[in-house]
């Protein structure tokens, strides 16, 4: 009996130390990518498919803005929400640095766990100020609304961002509801929180050059969302079954377009 007790204690100790070593390894890998001399910008199409699938599944409300690779170390992805994600060479998630300065490590490749303290690495939940919500845990007012207004849609993911529910459905649309489950808006992308440099911009408040570009190349009916981020204007469109992200400089001059087809 005594020997059995010490055996159990030994196994538990080894498991604990192994877990600690794995977490330290994730953190060291992330630091190595962030501080690598050979960290270079790459095309989003050159990311490992595992990493883009992970982003599409877990960050349905945003998009990949920039991608970087440090050879033999891993990848860094900057999202439209200004959160930064890190992956190893195979595309396995390592951790995240959120737009509000919080840092997370993944542990088992899935977003889970608690908020960090004192800037230490914790475990991610759902992005900046967000918690993942299972589809079956959504309020009935939300699921009833979706069933009535989007009868062919499938819930791809859901998050609780402070006092709002963000629900990603098929056709790459994002539905926003208040804390009571009342519908607020249909959009294509979410914007960073104000403390992270993001501010929503209504159509009429966009510079005339941006409005002209959208109406000349798309349709006003395609417009879903717009916000400012780090001195840029970001405009989200939904057209021909695709989500299109347009980026403009502070003067309203067009920079680039990102076309997303997640479904």
Protein backbone atom coordinates (compact mmCIF):
# COMPACT_ATOMS: atom_id res chain seq x y z
CA UNK A 1 0.00 0.00 0.00
CA UNK A 2 2.81 2.35 0.96
CA UNK A 3 4.70 1.52 -2.22
CA UNK A 4 1.55 2.13 -4.28
CA UNK A 5 1.12 5.57 -2.72
CA UNK A 6 4.69 6.59 -3.55
CA UNK A 7 4.29 5.21 -7.08
CA UNK A 8 1.16 7.34 -7.62
CA UNK A 9 2.96 10.38 -6.19
CA UNK A 10 5.92 9.78 -8.50
CA UNK A 11 3.70 9.48 -11.59
CA UNK A 12 1.82 12.66 -10.64
CA UNK A 13 5.08 14.55 -10.12
CA UNK A 14 6.44 13.44 -13.48
CA UNK A 15 3.19 14.46 -15.22
CA UNK A 16 3.25 17.87 -13.54
CA UNK A 17 6.88 18.52 -14.49
CA UNK A 18 6.19 17.35 -18.05
CA UNK A 19 3.25 19.78 -18.31
CA UNK A 20 5.38 22.66 -17.01
CA UNK A 21 8.16 21.84 -19.47
CA UNK A 22 5.68 21.76 -22.36
CA UNK A 23 4.26 25.16 -21.39
CA UNK A 24 7.77 26.62 -21.10
CA UNK A 25 8.56 25.12 -24.51
CA UNK A 26 5.55 26.83 -26.11
CA UNK A 27 6.60 30.16 -24.62
CA UNK A 28 10.20 29.77 -25.78
CA UNK A 29 9.02 28.88 -29.29
CA UNK A 30 6.83 31.97 -29.43
CA UNK A 31 9.65 34.21 -28.21
CA UNK A 32 11.99 32.65 -30.77
CA UNK A 33 9.57 33.47 -33.59
CA UNK A 34 8.89 37.02 -32.36
CA UNK A 35 12.59 37.84 -31.95
CA UNK A 36 13.93 35.96 -34.96
CA UNK A 37 16.32 37.86 -37.23
CA UNK A 38 14.88 35.96 -40.21
CA UNK A 39 11.21 36.78 -39.53
CA UNK A 40 9.90 37.91 -42.93
CA UNK A 41 6.52 38.83 -44.38
CA UNK A 42 4.92 36.13 -46.55
CA UNK A 43 1.81 35.72 -48.65
CA UNK A 44 -1.20 34.49 -46.69
CA UNK A 45 -1.52 31.67 -49.25
CA UNK A 46 1.89 30.37 -48.14
CA UNK A 47 0.76 29.65 -44.57
CA UNK A 48 0.36 25.99 -43.55
CA UNK A 49 -3.21 24.88 -44.18
CA UNK A 50 -3.50 23.77 -40.55
CA UNK A 51 -2.94 27.34 -39.35
CA UNK A 52 -5.45 28.93 -41.71
CA UNK A 53 -8.03 26.26 -40.84
CA UNK A 54 -7.46 27.00 -37.16
CA UNK A 55 -8.00 30.73 -37.71
CA UNK A 56 -11.12 30.16 -39.79
CA UNK A 57 -12.60 27.87 -37.14
CA UNK A 58 -11.72 29.89 -34.05
CA UNK A 59 -11.55 33.50 -35.25
CA UNK A 60 -14.54 33.47 -37.60
CA UNK A 61 -15.33 37.14 -36.89
CA UNK A 62 -12.06 38.47 -38.27
CA UNK A 63 -9.48 37.80 -40.97
CA UNK A 64 -5.75 37.33 -41.49
CA UNK A 65 -4.24 40.76 -42.08
CA UNK A 66 -0.52 39.92 -42.20
CA UNK A 67 1.54 36.72 -42.14
CA UNK A 68 5.20 36.16 -41.23
CA UNK A 69 7.57 33.19 -41.24
CA UNK A 70 10.82 32.55 -39.36
CA UNK A 71 12.46 29.58 -41.06
CA UNK A 72 12.89 26.55 -38.77
CA UNK A 73 11.01 28.39 -36.01
CA UNK A 74 7.42 28.99 -37.06
CA UNK A 75 4.78 31.47 -38.16
CA UNK A 76 3.24 34.67 -36.83
CA UNK A 77 -0.22 35.80 -37.94
CA UNK A 78 -1.68 39.24 -37.31
CA UNK A 79 -5.48 39.31 -37.33
CA UNK A 80 -7.80 42.14 -38.27
CA UNK A 81 -8.62 42.50 -34.58
CA UNK A 82 -4.91 43.18 -33.92
CA UNK A 83 -4.51 39.89 -32.02
CA UNK A 84 -1.32 38.01 -32.92
CA UNK A 85 -1.19 34.22 -33.22
CA UNK A 86 1.86 31.95 -33.31
CA UNK A 87 2.27 28.53 -34.94
CA UNK A 88 5.04 25.99 -35.29
CA UNK A 89 6.42 24.89 -38.67
CA UNK A 90 3.56 22.43 -39.19
CA UNK A 91 0.84 24.99 -38.44
CA UNK A 92 0.11 23.80 -34.90
CA UNK A 93 -0.97 26.72 -32.68
CA UNK A 94 1.48 27.76 -29.98
CA UNK A 95 -0.11 30.84 -28.44
CA UNK A 96 -1.37 34.38 -28.85
CA UNK A 97 -0.60 37.95 -27.89
CA UNK A 98 -3.89 39.79 -27.70
CA UNK A 99 -4.45 43.37 -28.75
CA UNK A 100 -4.85 44.47 -25.12
CA UNK A 101 -1.40 43.16 -24.18
CA UNK A 102 -2.52 39.87 -22.63
CA UNK A 103 -0.57 36.75 -23.60
CA UNK A 104 -1.66 33.15 -23.83
CA UNK A 105 -0.09 29.78 -24.55
CA UNK A 106 -2.17 26.94 -25.91
CA UNK A 107 -0.88 23.85 -24.16
CA UNK A 108 -2.85 21.37 -26.23
CA UNK A 109 -3.53 23.40 -29.34
CA UNK A 110 -7.01 24.49 -28.27
CA UNK A 111 -8.17 27.85 -26.89
CA UNK A 112 -9.09 27.24 -23.28
CA UNK A 113 -8.30 28.22 -19.73
CA UNK A 114 -8.02 31.35 -17.63
CA UNK A 115 -6.97 34.96 -17.99
CA UNK A 116 -3.29 35.57 -17.26
CA UNK A 117 -2.01 37.61 -14.34
CA UNK A 118 0.87 40.09 -14.24
CA UNK A 119 1.55 39.67 -17.96
CA UNK A 120 2.50 36.00 -17.59
CA UNK A 121 1.52 33.46 -20.22
CA UNK A 122 -1.90 32.01 -19.50
CA UNK A 123 -4.21 29.99 -21.74
CA UNK A 124 -6.35 31.63 -24.49
CA UNK A 125 -10.12 31.81 -24.40
CA UNK A 126 -11.56 33.40 -27.50
CA UNK A 127 -9.51 36.38 -28.51
CA UNK A 128 -9.46 39.89 -27.12
CA UNK A 129 -12.17 40.17 -24.42
CA UNK A 130 -14.02 37.14 -25.79
CA UNK A 131 -15.11 33.71 -24.59
CA UNK A 132 -16.04 30.77 -26.80
CA UNK A 133 -19.68 29.66 -26.57
CA UNK A 134 -20.90 26.28 -27.79
CA UNK A 135 -23.80 26.52 -30.25
CA UNK A 136 -26.03 24.55 -27.89
CA UNK A 137 -25.31 27.06 -25.12
CA UNK A 138 -26.61 30.05 -27.06
CA UNK A 139 -29.83 31.63 -25.72
CA UNK A 140 -32.95 30.31 -27.42
CA UNK A 141 -33.80 33.84 -28.59
CA UNK A 142 -30.64 33.73 -30.73
CA UNK A 143 -31.11 30.25 -32.14
CA UNK A 144 -34.78 30.98 -32.84
CA UNK A 145 -33.83 34.19 -34.68
CA UNK A 146 -31.28 32.36 -36.81
CA UNK A 147 -33.72 29.55 -37.62
CA UNK A 148 -36.39 32.05 -38.66
CA UNK A 149 -34.22 34.43 -40.67
CA UNK A 150 -31.41 32.18 -41.92
CA UNK A 151 -33.17 28.79 -42.26
CA UNK A 152 -30.39 27.17 -44.29
CA UNK A 153 -27.55 28.50 -42.14
CA UNK A 154 -25.33 26.49 -39.84
CA UNK A 155 -23.72 28.00 -36.75
CA UNK A 156 -19.96 27.84 -37.38
CA UNK A 157 -18.90 29.40 -34.09
CA UNK A 158 -19.99 31.72 -31.32
CA UNK A 159 -18.34 34.06 -28.84
CA UNK A 160 -19.39 36.30 -26.00
CA UNK A 161 -17.54 39.59 -26.36
CA UNK A 162 -18.24 41.42 -23.12
CA UNK A 163 -21.99 42.11 -23.41
CA UNK A 164 -22.52 40.96 -27.00
CA UNK A 165 -22.91 37.58 -28.67
CA UNK A 166 -21.04 37.20 -31.97
CA UNK A 167 -22.28 34.24 -34.00
CA UNK A 168 -20.59 33.06 -37.18
CA UNK A 169 -22.91 31.30 -39.61
CA UNK A 170 -22.40 29.66 -42.98
CA UNK A 171 -22.06 32.04 -45.93
CA UNK A 172 -19.36 33.73 -43.82
CA UNK A 173 -21.71 36.17 -42.14
CA UNK A 174 -21.45 37.26 -38.52
CA UNK A 175 -24.58 38.06 -36.51
CA UNK A 176 -24.36 40.29 -33.44
CA UNK A 177 -26.82 40.09 -30.53
CA UNK A 178 -27.01 41.94 -27.21
CA UNK A 179 -26.74 40.24 -23.82
CA UNK A 180 -30.46 39.40 -23.87
CA UNK A 181 -30.23 37.78 -27.29
CA UNK A 182 -31.78 40.67 -29.23
CA UNK A 183 -30.49 41.00 -32.80
CA UNK A 184 -28.25 44.03 -33.38
CA UNK A 185 -26.65 43.68 -36.79
CA UNK A 186 -25.45 41.45 -39.61
CA UNK A 187 -21.82 42.02 -40.52
CA UNK A 188 -18.88 40.33 -42.20
CA UNK A 189 -16.04 41.28 -39.84
CA UNK A 190 -15.63 42.47 -36.29
CA UNK A 191 -13.48 45.43 -35.35
CA UNK A 192 -10.79 45.76 -32.67
CA UNK A 193 -11.89 47.16 -29.32
CA UNK A 194 -11.28 50.93 -28.86
CA UNK A 195 -8.41 50.20 -26.45
CA UNK A 196 -6.80 48.19 -29.24
CA UNK A 197 -6.98 51.01 -31.77
CA UNK A 198 -10.27 50.10 -33.42
CA UNK A 199 -13.31 52.29 -33.93
CA UNK A 200 -16.41 51.46 -35.94
CA UNK A 201 -17.18 53.85 -38.80
CA UNK A 202 -20.62 54.20 -40.36
CA UNK A 203 -20.95 54.34 -44.15
CA UNK A 204 -21.83 58.03 -44.21
CA UNK A 205 -18.76 58.86 -42.12
CA UNK A 206 -16.30 57.23 -44.52
CA UNK A 207 -14.21 59.54 -46.74
CA UNK A 208 -15.84 60.27 -50.08
CA UNK A 209 -12.97 58.56 -51.92
CA UNK A 210 -13.72 55.29 -50.12
CA UNK A 211 -17.44 55.52 -50.82
CA UNK A 212 -16.67 56.23 -54.48
CA UNK A 213 -14.31 53.25 -54.69
CA UNK A 214 -16.87 50.87 -53.20
CA UNK A 215 -19.77 52.06 -55.36
CA UNK A 216 -17.59 52.05 -58.52
CA UNK A 217 -16.22 48.54 -58.02
CA UNK A 218 -18.91 46.84 -55.96
CA UNK A 219 -22.39 47.72 -54.77
CA UNK A 220 -23.53 49.71 -51.75
CA UNK A 221 -25.62 46.65 -50.90
CA UNK A 222 -22.37 44.68 -50.43
CA UNK A 223 -21.21 46.95 -47.62
CA UNK A 224 -21.35 45.34 -44.17
CA UNK A 225 -18.90 47.02 -41.82
CA UNK A 226 -16.08 49.53 -41.58
CA UNK A 227 -13.60 50.55 -38.91
CA UNK A 228 -10.34 52.37 -38.41
CA UNK A 229 -7.24 50.51 -37.28
CA UNK A 230 -3.74 51.87 -36.78
CA UNK A 231 -4.34 54.78 -39.14
CA UNK A 232 -6.06 52.69 -41.84
CA UNK A 233 -9.67 52.31 -42.92
CA UNK A 234 -10.89 48.72 -43.15
CA UNK A 235 -14.08 48.03 -45.09
CA UNK A 236 -15.85 44.67 -45.02
CA UNK A 237 -18.02 43.60 -47.95
CA UNK A 238 -20.03 40.49 -48.71
CA UNK A 239 -20.37 39.93 -52.41
CA UNK A 240 -21.04 36.92 -54.65
CA UNK A 241 -20.71 34.52 -51.73
CA UNK A 242 -17.32 35.87 -50.72
CA UNK A 243 -16.12 38.06 -47.90
CA UNK A 244 -13.96 40.92 -49.18
CA UNK A 245 -11.81 43.12 -46.97
CA UNK A 246 -10.69 46.46 -48.43
CA UNK A 247 -7.82 48.44 -46.89
CA UNK A 248 -7.37 52.19 -47.39
CA UNK A 249 -4.84 54.66 -45.99
CA UNK A 250 -5.78 57.57 -43.74
CA UNK A 251 -6.52 59.74 -46.79
CA UNK A 252 -8.91 57.17 -48.22
CA UNK A 253 -6.59 55.90 -50.95
CA UNK A 254 -7.01 52.22 -51.82
CA UNK A 255 -4.19 49.90 -50.72
CA UNK A 256 -5.29 46.29 -51.14
CA UNK A 257 -8.16 43.82 -51.15
CA UNK A 258 -8.33 40.50 -49.31
CA UNK A 259 -10.86 37.96 -50.59
CA UNK A 260 -11.95 35.27 -48.13
CA UNK A 261 -13.94 32.17 -48.90
CA UNK A 262 -14.15 30.12 -45.70
CA UNK A 263 -17.08 27.90 -46.59
